[in-house]
């Protein structure tokens, strides 16, 4: 089976691991949050990997980097929503810390990917 270039990126793989954690985490949120915080957090987490994949299908380095930047924005949205979840006591301090570490790692990887996309566009063929 053919693997597309985005499937070979560590940052895409890590974003999918993050999605798994978010789905597991939100399964314990209060039922009345199903259409608000739970849904928004899942969508934001999904958006991180989705934009990496979508950007890989773009032709120009600038377009690829733009989608990587959108992924970064979605990741920051996740962080804000996780902070809200902690404030509402839906998650523990330990869960917040673990997720923040994941977000920090993914953010660093996205920043490196974006720099690579903009600094050497001829060698990037996603």
N, C-alpha and C. Protein backbone atom coordinates (compact mmCIF):
# COMPACT_ATOMS: atom_id res chain seq x y z
N UNK A 1 0.84 -1.18 0.00
CA UNK A 1 0.00 0.00 0.00
C UNK A 1 0.89 1.24 0.00
N UNK A 2 0.53 2.20 -0.84
CA UNK A 2 1.29 3.45 -0.93
C UNK A 2 1.10 4.27 0.33
N UNK A 3 2.19 4.82 0.80
CA UNK A 3 2.13 5.77 1.92
C UNK A 3 2.35 7.16 1.37
N UNK A 4 1.45 8.05 1.72
CA UNK A 4 1.62 9.44 1.30
C UNK A 4 2.63 10.12 2.21
N UNK A 5 3.20 11.18 1.71
CA UNK A 5 4.32 11.82 2.41
C UNK A 5 3.95 12.27 3.82
N UNK A 6 2.73 12.78 4.01
CA UNK A 6 2.36 13.25 5.35
C UNK A 6 2.34 12.09 6.34
N UNK A 7 2.07 10.86 5.86
CA UNK A 7 2.03 9.70 6.75
C UNK A 7 3.41 9.33 7.27
N UNK A 8 4.45 9.86 6.64
CA UNK A 8 5.82 9.59 7.05
C UNK A 8 6.34 10.63 8.04
N UNK A 9 5.56 11.67 8.30
CA UNK A 9 6.00 12.73 9.19
C UNK A 9 5.74 12.36 10.65
N UNK A 10 6.77 12.50 11.48
CA UNK A 10 6.61 12.24 12.91
C UNK A 10 5.56 13.14 13.54
N UNK A 11 5.49 14.39 13.08
CA UNK A 11 4.53 15.33 13.65
C UNK A 11 3.10 14.89 13.35
N UNK A 12 2.86 14.32 12.20
CA UNK A 12 1.52 13.83 11.87
C UNK A 12 1.18 12.63 12.77
N UNK A 13 2.15 11.75 12.95
CA UNK A 13 1.95 10.59 13.82
C UNK A 13 1.68 11.03 15.26
N UNK A 14 2.44 12.00 15.75
CA UNK A 14 2.24 12.49 17.11
C UNK A 14 0.89 13.19 17.25
N UNK A 15 0.45 13.87 16.20
CA UNK A 15 -0.86 14.53 16.27
C UNK A 15 -1.97 13.49 16.36
N UNK A 16 -1.80 12.35 15.72
CA UNK A 16 -2.80 11.28 15.82
C UNK A 16 -2.79 10.63 17.20
N UNK A 17 -1.62 10.50 17.80
CA UNK A 17 -1.55 10.01 19.19
C UNK A 17 -2.27 10.98 20.13
N UNK A 18 -2.10 12.28 19.86
CA UNK A 18 -2.76 13.32 20.65
C UNK A 18 -4.29 13.20 20.50
N UNK A 19 -4.75 12.98 19.28
CA UNK A 19 -6.19 12.81 19.04
C UNK A 19 -6.73 11.64 19.86
N UNK A 20 -5.99 10.54 19.87
CA UNK A 20 -6.43 9.38 20.67
C UNK A 20 -6.59 9.76 22.14
N UNK A 21 -5.63 10.52 22.67
CA UNK A 21 -5.71 10.94 24.08
C UNK A 21 -6.92 11.84 24.31
N UNK A 22 -7.18 12.73 23.37
CA UNK A 22 -8.31 13.65 23.50
C UNK A 22 -9.63 12.88 23.49
N UNK A 23 -9.74 11.92 22.60
CA UNK A 23 -10.96 11.12 22.54
C UNK A 23 -11.16 10.34 23.85
N UNK A 24 -10.09 9.75 24.35
CA UNK A 24 -10.19 9.03 25.62
C UNK A 24 -10.56 9.97 26.77
N UNK A 25 -9.92 11.13 26.80
CA UNK A 25 -10.15 12.10 27.85
C UNK A 25 -11.59 12.61 27.84
N UNK A 26 -12.07 12.99 26.67
CA UNK A 26 -13.41 13.60 26.60
C UNK A 26 -14.52 12.59 26.83
N UNK A 27 -14.23 11.31 26.74
CA UNK A 27 -15.26 10.31 27.02
C UNK A 27 -15.71 10.37 28.48
N UNK A 28 -14.88 11.01 29.33
CA UNK A 28 -15.22 11.15 30.75
C UNK A 28 -15.79 12.53 31.09
N UNK A 29 -15.93 13.40 30.11
CA UNK A 29 -16.51 14.72 30.38
C UNK A 29 -17.99 14.57 30.68
N UNK A 30 -18.56 15.53 31.38
CA UNK A 30 -20.00 15.46 31.65
C UNK A 30 -20.82 15.38 30.37
N UNK A 31 -21.88 14.67 30.44
CA UNK A 31 -22.74 14.44 29.26
C UNK A 31 -23.26 15.75 28.66
N UNK A 32 -23.54 16.72 29.51
CA UNK A 32 -24.06 17.98 28.99
C UNK A 32 -23.01 18.82 28.26
N UNK A 33 -21.76 18.38 28.27
CA UNK A 33 -20.69 19.05 27.52
C UNK A 33 -20.49 18.43 26.13
N UNK A 34 -21.27 17.42 25.81
CA UNK A 34 -21.10 16.68 24.57
C UNK A 34 -21.10 17.59 23.34
N UNK A 35 -21.98 18.59 23.30
CA UNK A 35 -22.10 19.44 22.12
C UNK A 35 -21.37 20.76 22.26
N UNK A 36 -20.61 20.91 23.31
CA UNK A 36 -19.86 22.14 23.47
C UNK A 36 -18.38 21.84 23.62
N UNK A 37 -17.89 21.79 24.84
CA UNK A 37 -16.45 21.62 25.06
C UNK A 37 -15.93 20.31 24.46
N UNK A 38 -16.64 19.24 24.65
CA UNK A 38 -16.20 17.94 24.12
C UNK A 38 -16.07 17.99 22.60
N UNK A 39 -17.10 18.46 21.95
CA UNK A 39 -17.12 18.52 20.49
C UNK A 39 -16.04 19.47 19.96
N UNK A 40 -15.92 20.63 20.58
CA UNK A 40 -14.94 21.62 20.12
C UNK A 40 -13.52 21.11 20.29
N UNK A 41 -13.25 20.45 21.40
CA UNK A 41 -11.90 19.92 21.64
C UNK A 41 -11.56 18.82 20.65
N UNK A 42 -12.50 17.95 20.37
CA UNK A 42 -12.26 16.89 19.38
C UNK A 42 -12.01 17.49 18.00
N UNK A 43 -12.81 18.47 17.62
CA UNK A 43 -12.64 19.09 16.29
C UNK A 43 -11.29 19.78 16.17
N UNK A 44 -10.89 20.50 17.21
CA UNK A 44 -9.60 21.19 17.19
C UNK A 44 -8.45 20.20 17.10
N UNK A 45 -8.53 19.11 17.86
CA UNK A 45 -7.47 18.09 17.83
C UNK A 45 -7.40 17.44 16.45
N UNK A 46 -8.55 17.13 15.88
CA UNK A 46 -8.58 16.54 14.54
C UNK A 46 -7.99 17.49 13.50
N UNK A 47 -8.22 18.77 13.70
CA UNK A 47 -7.75 19.77 12.75
C UNK A 47 -6.22 19.83 12.65
N UNK A 48 -5.54 19.50 13.72
CA UNK A 48 -4.07 19.53 13.69
C UNK A 48 -3.55 18.58 12.61
N UNK A 49 -3.91 17.32 12.71
CA UNK A 49 -3.45 16.34 11.72
C UNK A 49 -4.06 16.54 10.35
N UNK A 50 -5.33 16.96 10.32
CA UNK A 50 -5.99 17.18 9.03
C UNK A 50 -5.30 18.25 8.22
N UNK A 51 -4.86 19.32 8.87
CA UNK A 51 -4.20 20.39 8.14
C UNK A 51 -2.79 20.02 7.71
N UNK A 52 -2.13 19.19 8.46
CA UNK A 52 -0.83 18.67 8.01
C UNK A 52 -1.04 17.87 6.72
N UNK A 53 -2.04 17.00 6.73
CA UNK A 53 -2.33 16.19 5.55
C UNK A 53 -2.76 17.06 4.37
N UNK A 54 -3.66 17.99 4.61
CA UNK A 54 -4.13 18.84 3.52
C UNK A 54 -3.00 19.68 2.94
N UNK A 55 -2.15 20.21 3.80
CA UNK A 55 -1.03 21.00 3.33
C UNK A 55 -0.07 20.21 2.46
N UNK A 56 0.04 18.92 2.73
CA UNK A 56 0.96 18.09 1.94
C UNK A 56 0.52 17.98 0.49
N UNK A 57 -0.75 18.24 0.24
CA UNK A 57 -1.27 18.18 -1.12
C UNK A 57 -1.15 19.48 -1.88
N UNK A 58 -0.63 20.50 -1.25
CA UNK A 58 -0.46 21.79 -1.91
C UNK A 58 0.83 21.83 -2.70
N UNK A 59 0.88 22.69 -3.68
CA UNK A 59 2.04 22.72 -4.58
C UNK A 59 3.15 23.63 -4.08
N UNK A 60 2.81 24.83 -3.66
CA UNK A 60 3.86 25.77 -3.29
C UNK A 60 4.27 25.61 -1.83
N UNK A 61 5.51 25.96 -1.56
CA UNK A 61 6.02 25.90 -0.19
C UNK A 61 5.23 26.84 0.71
N UNK A 62 4.85 27.99 0.17
CA UNK A 62 4.09 28.95 0.96
C UNK A 62 2.73 28.37 1.37
N UNK A 63 2.07 27.67 0.46
CA UNK A 63 0.79 27.03 0.79
C UNK A 63 0.98 25.93 1.83
N UNK A 64 2.01 25.12 1.65
CA UNK A 64 2.29 24.06 2.62
C UNK A 64 2.51 24.66 4.00
N UNK A 65 3.32 25.71 4.06
CA UNK A 65 3.63 26.36 5.34
C UNK A 65 2.39 26.99 5.95
N UNK A 66 1.50 27.51 5.12
CA UNK A 66 0.26 28.09 5.62
C UNK A 66 -0.58 27.04 6.35
N UNK A 67 -0.70 25.86 5.77
CA UNK A 67 -1.47 24.80 6.43
C UNK A 67 -0.78 24.31 7.70
N UNK A 68 0.53 24.32 7.71
CA UNK A 68 1.25 23.98 8.93
C UNK A 68 0.97 25.01 10.01
N UNK A 69 0.89 26.28 9.62
CA UNK A 69 0.56 27.34 10.57
C UNK A 69 -0.87 27.18 11.10
N UNK A 70 -1.79 26.78 10.24
CA UNK A 70 -3.17 26.53 10.67
C UNK A 70 -3.19 25.38 11.68
N UNK A 71 -2.38 24.35 11.43
CA UNK A 71 -2.27 23.24 12.39
C UNK A 71 -1.82 23.75 13.75
N UNK A 72 -0.85 24.64 13.72
CA UNK A 72 -0.33 25.23 14.97
C UNK A 72 -1.45 25.98 15.70
N UNK A 73 -2.23 26.74 14.96
CA UNK A 73 -3.35 27.47 15.56
C UNK A 73 -4.36 26.53 16.19
N UNK A 74 -4.66 25.44 15.52
CA UNK A 74 -5.58 24.45 16.07
C UNK A 74 -5.02 23.82 17.34
N UNK A 75 -3.72 23.62 17.36
CA UNK A 75 -3.07 23.07 18.55
C UNK A 75 -3.20 24.04 19.73
N UNK A 76 -3.05 25.33 19.47
CA UNK A 76 -3.21 26.33 20.53
C UNK A 76 -4.66 26.40 20.99
N UNK A 77 -5.59 26.19 20.08
CA UNK A 77 -7.00 26.11 20.47
C UNK A 77 -7.21 24.93 21.43
N UNK A 78 -6.58 23.81 21.13
CA UNK A 78 -6.66 22.65 22.03
C UNK A 78 -6.14 23.01 23.41
N UNK A 79 -5.03 23.69 23.46
CA UNK A 79 -4.46 24.08 24.76
C UNK A 79 -5.46 24.92 25.54
N UNK A 80 -6.05 25.90 24.89
CA UNK A 80 -7.02 26.74 25.59
C UNK A 80 -8.20 25.92 26.10
N UNK A 81 -8.70 25.02 25.28
CA UNK A 81 -9.84 24.20 25.68
C UNK A 81 -9.48 23.26 26.82
N UNK A 82 -8.27 22.77 26.83
CA UNK A 82 -7.81 21.90 27.92
C UNK A 82 -7.69 22.70 29.21
N UNK A 83 -7.23 23.94 29.11
CA UNK A 83 -7.16 24.81 30.28
C UNK A 83 -8.57 25.05 30.83
N UNK A 84 -9.52 25.29 29.94
CA UNK A 84 -10.91 25.46 30.37
C UNK A 84 -11.41 24.19 31.06
N UNK A 85 -11.10 23.04 30.48
CA UNK A 85 -11.52 21.77 31.08
C UNK A 85 -10.94 21.61 32.48
N UNK A 86 -9.71 22.03 32.68
CA UNK A 86 -9.10 21.97 34.02
C UNK A 86 -9.79 22.93 34.97
N UNK A 87 -10.07 24.14 34.50
CA UNK A 87 -10.76 25.13 35.34
C UNK A 87 -12.14 24.64 35.77
N UNK A 88 -12.79 23.89 34.88
CA UNK A 88 -14.12 23.34 35.18
C UNK A 88 -14.02 22.02 35.96
N UNK A 89 -12.78 21.60 36.22
CA UNK A 89 -12.49 20.38 36.98
C UNK A 89 -12.96 19.12 36.26
N UNK A 90 -12.89 19.15 34.94
CA UNK A 90 -13.19 17.95 34.14
C UNK A 90 -11.95 17.07 33.99
N UNK A 91 -10.77 17.68 34.19
CA UNK A 91 -9.51 16.92 34.13
C UNK A 91 -8.66 17.28 35.34
N UNK A 92 -7.70 16.42 35.63
CA UNK A 92 -6.80 16.63 36.76
C UNK A 92 -5.60 17.47 36.34
N UNK A 93 -4.88 17.93 37.33
CA UNK A 93 -3.64 18.67 37.07
C UNK A 93 -2.64 17.78 36.31
N UNK A 94 -2.59 16.51 36.67
CA UNK A 94 -1.68 15.57 36.01
C UNK A 94 -2.05 15.40 34.53
N UNK A 95 -3.33 15.32 34.25
CA UNK A 95 -3.77 15.20 32.85
C UNK A 95 -3.42 16.46 32.07
N UNK A 96 -3.63 17.60 32.68
CA UNK A 96 -3.27 18.86 32.03
C UNK A 96 -1.78 18.90 31.72
N UNK A 97 -0.96 18.51 32.69
CA UNK A 97 0.49 18.52 32.50
C UNK A 97 0.90 17.59 31.37
N UNK A 98 0.34 16.40 31.33
CA UNK A 98 0.68 15.45 30.27
C UNK A 98 0.29 15.99 28.90
N UNK A 99 -0.89 16.55 28.80
CA UNK A 99 -1.35 17.08 27.53
C UNK A 99 -0.56 18.31 27.11
N UNK A 100 -0.19 19.14 28.07
CA UNK A 100 0.65 20.31 27.74
C UNK A 100 2.01 19.85 27.20
N UNK A 101 2.57 18.79 27.77
CA UNK A 101 3.84 18.26 27.26
C UNK A 101 3.67 17.78 25.82
N UNK A 102 2.59 17.08 25.55
CA UNK A 102 2.31 16.64 24.17
C UNK A 102 2.18 17.84 23.24
N UNK A 103 1.44 18.84 23.68
CA UNK A 103 1.26 20.04 22.86
C UNK A 103 2.58 20.73 22.61
N UNK A 104 3.42 20.85 23.63
CA UNK A 104 4.74 21.48 23.46
C UNK A 104 5.57 20.73 22.42
N UNK A 105 5.57 19.41 22.48
CA UNK A 105 6.34 18.61 21.52
C UNK A 105 5.81 18.78 20.11
N UNK A 106 4.51 18.72 19.94
CA UNK A 106 3.91 18.87 18.62
C UNK A 106 4.16 20.28 18.09
N UNK A 107 4.05 21.28 18.96
CA UNK A 107 4.29 22.67 18.55
C UNK A 107 5.71 22.86 18.03
N UNK A 108 6.67 22.27 18.72
CA UNK A 108 8.07 22.37 18.27
C UNK A 108 8.25 21.70 16.91
N UNK A 109 7.62 20.56 16.73
CA UNK A 109 7.74 19.84 15.46
C UNK A 109 7.07 20.63 14.33
N UNK A 110 5.93 21.23 14.61
CA UNK A 110 5.27 22.04 13.58
C UNK A 110 6.10 23.26 13.22
N UNK A 111 6.72 23.87 14.20
CA UNK A 111 7.58 25.03 13.92
C UNK A 111 8.77 24.64 13.05
N UNK A 112 9.37 23.51 13.35
CA UNK A 112 10.49 23.04 12.53
C UNK A 112 10.04 22.70 11.12
N UNK A 113 8.88 22.07 11.00
CA UNK A 113 8.35 21.73 9.67
C UNK A 113 8.10 23.00 8.87
N UNK A 114 7.49 23.99 9.48
CA UNK A 114 7.19 25.24 8.78
C UNK A 114 8.47 25.93 8.33
N UNK A 115 9.46 25.98 9.21
CA UNK A 115 10.75 26.58 8.82
C UNK A 115 11.36 25.84 7.64
N UNK A 116 11.31 24.53 7.68
CA UNK A 116 11.86 23.73 6.57
C UNK A 116 11.09 24.00 5.27
N UNK A 117 9.79 24.10 5.38
CA UNK A 117 8.97 24.35 4.20
C UNK A 117 9.32 25.69 3.56
N UNK A 118 9.58 26.68 4.38
CA UNK A 118 9.86 28.02 3.85
C UNK A 118 11.31 28.23 3.45
N UNK A 119 12.23 27.50 4.08
CA UNK A 119 13.64 27.75 3.82
C UNK A 119 14.19 26.95 2.64
N UNK A 120 13.60 25.82 2.34
CA UNK A 120 14.13 25.00 1.25
C UNK A 120 12.99 24.37 0.46
N UNK A 121 12.19 25.18 -0.21
CA UNK A 121 10.98 24.67 -0.86
C UNK A 121 11.23 23.68 -1.99
N UNK A 122 12.39 23.72 -2.64
CA UNK A 122 12.64 22.84 -3.76
C UNK A 122 12.80 21.38 -3.34
N UNK A 123 13.27 21.15 -2.12
CA UNK A 123 13.52 19.77 -1.69
C UNK A 123 12.31 19.11 -1.04
N UNK A 124 11.30 19.91 -0.78
CA UNK A 124 10.13 19.35 -0.12
C UNK A 124 9.13 18.89 -1.15
N UNK A 125 8.85 17.62 -1.14
CA UNK A 125 7.88 17.08 -2.07
C UNK A 125 6.91 16.21 -1.29
N UNK A 126 5.93 16.84 -0.73
CA UNK A 126 4.95 16.12 0.08
C UNK A 126 3.82 15.73 -0.81
